[in-house]
Amino acid sequence: MTTILALSGSLRAASRNTGLLRCAQAQAPRGVSVEIADLRDIPFYNADHPEPTPAVAQFFAQLERCDALLLACPEYNYSIAPVLKNALDWASRAPNNSLLAGKPTAIVSAGGGMGGSRAQYHLRQVAVCLKLNVLLAPELFANAFGPDFNEAGDVVGERTRALVAGQLDALLALR
């Protein structure tokens, strides 16, 4: 079984970005599990208190078990959402960056006008420092306010479902 750990930069219940991750769970091919990490209880990283809390320890265990990452990156003020950046900051503190270095990673986003593209490009810059093996193409930018999402944030449009399935296939080929 191949495990993809999915991280959403949004904590909203009706988040379209988390909706993309739920769609990935539904679109996952046989033999692939997409597990969505719960980042709500991960505290802000503070070097004065670097000891992992139980929530951080659980997140680290998920990272150790997973074969690849799927990052849903909403755009906040032209950049990465703090909850996603914070989770990556915690993970990068493992000895030798062992939880992230070389991990096959795909990035998706749902947002307004440009679909989160500016945040994705900032996240790609961070990924270089973290030594993530980021999928170069296809890129997935979804219109969060178009007909492909319902009010609960779920993907209902076939076009976006197909894009998510294609992203998963490309991620799995990257491994």
Protein backbone atom coordinates (compact mmCIF):
# COMPACT_ATOMS: atom_id res chain seq x y z
CA MET A 1 0.00 0.00 0.00
CA THR A 2 1.33 3.42 -0.98
CA THR A 3 0.46 6.18 1.48
CA ILE A 4 0.16 9.83 0.49
CA LEU A 5 -0.02 12.23 3.41
CA ALA A 6 -2.16 15.24 2.52
CA LEU A 7 -1.76 18.58 4.29
CA SER A 8 -4.19 21.46 3.97
CA GLY A 9 -3.17 25.01 4.71
CA SER A 10 -6.77 25.82 5.60
CA LEU A 11 -8.57 25.02 8.83
CA ARG A 12 -12.04 25.98 7.53
CA ALA A 13 -14.62 23.21 7.56
CA ALA A 14 -15.83 24.19 4.07
CA SER A 15 -12.33 24.78 2.68
CA ARG A 16 -12.04 24.19 -1.05
CA ASN A 17 -8.38 23.35 -0.52
CA THR A 18 -9.27 20.58 1.90
CA GLY A 19 -11.99 19.65 -0.59
CA LEU A 20 -9.24 19.00 -3.16
CA LEU A 21 -7.66 16.59 -0.65
CA ARG A 22 -10.96 14.80 -0.04
CA CYS A 23 -11.29 14.52 -3.81
CA ALA A 24 -7.82 12.97 -3.93
CA GLN A 25 -8.94 10.40 -1.36
CA ALA A 26 -11.90 9.51 -3.58
CA GLN A 27 -9.79 9.48 -6.77
CA ALA A 28 -6.89 7.45 -5.35
CA PRO A 29 -6.08 4.39 -7.42
CA ARG A 30 -6.27 0.91 -5.94
CA GLY A 31 -3.38 0.31 -3.56
CA VAL A 32 -3.03 4.01 -2.71
CA SER A 33 -4.23 5.60 0.51
CA VAL A 34 -4.55 9.36 0.89
CA GLU A 35 -4.49 10.30 4.58
CA ILE A 36 -5.37 13.88 5.52
CA ALA A 37 -3.28 15.14 8.44
CA ASP A 38 -5.02 17.13 11.14
CA LEU A 39 -2.94 20.28 11.67
CA ARG A 40 -5.37 22.09 14.00
CA ASP A 41 -3.55 21.32 17.25
CA ILE A 42 0.02 21.85 16.06
CA PRO A 43 1.34 24.88 17.96
CA PHE A 44 3.43 27.57 16.31
CA TYR A 45 7.03 26.44 16.19
CA ASN A 46 9.11 28.10 18.93
CA ALA A 47 12.82 27.29 19.17
CA ASP A 48 12.63 28.00 22.91
CA HIS A 49 10.22 25.04 23.20
CA PRO A 50 11.27 22.60 20.44
CA GLU A 51 9.86 19.50 22.16
CA PRO A 52 7.07 17.99 20.06
CA THR A 53 3.59 18.13 21.57
CA PRO A 54 1.39 15.04 21.16
CA ALA A 55 -0.13 16.57 18.01
CA VAL A 56 3.32 17.22 16.55
CA ALA A 57 4.49 13.71 17.48
CA GLN A 58 1.46 12.25 15.69
CA PHE A 59 2.22 14.40 12.64
CA PHE A 60 5.85 13.22 12.67
CA ALA A 61 4.69 9.59 12.81
CA GLN A 62 2.45 10.19 9.79
CA LEU A 63 5.38 11.73 7.91
CA GLU A 64 7.59 8.76 8.76
CA ARG A 65 4.99 6.31 7.39
CA CYS A 66 4.08 8.15 4.20
CA ASP A 67 5.57 7.60 0.77
CA ALA A 68 4.62 11.00 -0.68
CA LEU A 69 3.04 14.34 0.20
CA LEU A 70 0.10 16.22 -1.27
CA LEU A 71 0.04 19.85 -0.15
CA ALA A 72 -3.11 21.96 -0.55
CA CYS A 73 -1.89 25.53 -0.47
CA PRO A 74 -4.43 28.33 -0.11
CA GLU A 75 -3.19 31.82 -0.81
CA TYR A 76 -3.19 34.30 2.06
CA ASN A 77 -2.01 37.80 1.14
CA TYR A 78 -0.11 36.50 -1.91
CA SER A 79 1.71 33.85 0.12
CA ILE A 80 1.53 30.52 1.93
CA ALA A 81 -1.09 29.95 4.62
CA PRO A 82 0.53 30.00 8.09
CA VAL A 83 -0.83 26.61 9.20
CA LEU A 84 0.88 24.85 6.28
CA LYS A 85 4.16 26.73 6.65
CA ASN A 86 4.18 26.03 10.40
CA ALA A 87 3.68 22.29 9.87
CA LEU A 88 6.57 22.22 7.41
CA ASP A 89 8.72 24.25 9.82
CA TRP A 90 8.11 21.68 12.56
CA ALA A 91 8.85 18.78 10.21
CA SER A 92 12.08 20.37 9.02
CA ARG A 93 13.47 20.24 12.57
CA ALA A 94 13.85 16.46 12.48
CA PRO A 95 17.51 15.40 12.45
CA ASN A 96 18.95 15.84 8.95
CA ASN A 97 15.51 16.93 7.72
CA SER A 98 14.77 13.20 7.55
CA LEU A 99 10.98 13.59 7.46
CA LEU A 100 10.96 15.74 4.31
CA ALA A 101 14.19 15.43 2.32
CA GLY A 102 13.58 13.67 -0.99
CA LYS A 103 9.87 13.09 -0.32
CA PRO A 104 7.85 13.12 -3.57
CA THR A 105 5.45 16.06 -3.27
CA ALA A 106 2.59 17.51 -5.29
CA ILE A 107 1.01 20.92 -4.70
CA VAL A 108 -2.61 21.86 -5.39
CA SER A 109 -4.60 24.96 -4.60
CA ALA A 110 -8.05 26.43 -4.87
CA GLY A 111 -8.52 30.16 -4.73
CA GLY A 112 -9.86 33.22 -6.45
CA GLY A 113 -8.72 34.70 -9.76
CA MET A 114 -5.35 32.98 -10.05
CA GLY A 115 -6.29 29.84 -8.09
CA GLY A 116 -3.58 30.26 -5.48
CA SER A 117 -0.70 30.41 -7.96
CA ARG A 118 1.32 32.99 -6.02
CA ALA A 119 1.16 30.87 -2.87
CA GLN A 120 2.15 27.77 -4.81
CA TYR A 121 5.21 29.52 -6.18
CA HIS A 122 6.22 30.67 -2.70
CA LEU A 123 5.72 27.12 -1.44
CA ARG A 124 7.95 25.82 -4.23
CA GLN A 125 10.69 28.17 -2.98
CA VAL A 126 10.31 26.77 0.54
CA ALA A 127 10.35 23.24 -0.89
CA VAL A 128 13.82 23.85 -2.34
CA CYS A 129 15.16 24.60 1.15
CA LEU A 130 13.36 21.54 2.56
CA LYS A 131 14.76 19.32 -0.22
CA LEU A 132 11.27 18.11 -1.18
CA ASN A 133 11.08 16.36 -4.55
CA VAL A 134 8.29 18.53 -5.98
CA LEU A 135 6.30 17.50 -9.02
CA LEU A 136 6.98 20.09 -11.72
CA ALA A 137 3.92 19.39 -13.87
CA PRO A 138 1.04 19.27 -14.10
CA GLU A 139 0.25 22.24 -11.89
CA LEU A 140 -3.24 22.38 -10.39
CA PHE A 141 -4.91 25.74 -9.73
CA ALA A 142 -8.66 25.45 -9.14
CA ASN A 143 -11.21 28.27 -9.13
CA ALA A 144 -12.62 28.01 -5.61
CA PHE A 145 -15.65 30.10 -6.54
CA GLY A 146 -16.60 28.33 -9.75
CA PRO A 147 -19.11 25.55 -10.35
CA ASP A 148 -16.63 22.75 -9.57
CA PHE A 149 -17.12 23.16 -5.79
CA ASN A 150 -20.23 22.99 -3.65
CA GLU A 151 -20.92 25.05 -0.50
CA ALA A 152 -19.34 22.37 1.71
CA GLY A 153 -16.07 22.73 -0.21
CA ASP A 154 -16.36 19.40 -1.98
CA VAL A 155 -15.29 18.97 -5.58
CA VAL A 156 -18.38 18.30 -7.70
CA GLY A 157 -17.06 19.17 -11.16
CA GLU A 158 -15.74 16.46 -13.43
CA ARG A 159 -13.01 18.75 -14.81
CA THR A 160 -11.47 19.32 -11.38
CA ARG A 161 -11.90 15.66 -10.43
CA ALA A 162 -9.97 14.71 -13.55
CA LEU A 163 -7.23 17.24 -12.74
CA VAL A 164 -6.88 15.81 -9.24
CA ALA A 165 -6.70 12.25 -10.60
CA GLY A 166 -4.04 13.35 -13.08
CA GLN A 167 -2.07 15.02 -10.31
CA LEU A 168 -2.13 11.80 -8.28
CA ASP A 169 -0.98 9.75 -11.25
CA ALA A 170 1.93 12.14 -11.87
CA LEU A 171 2.85 12.11 -8.18
CA LEU A 172 2.88 8.33 -8.08
CA ALA A 173 5.09 8.25 -11.20
CA LEU A 174 7.53 10.61 -9.45
CA ARG A 175 8.25 8.03 -6.74
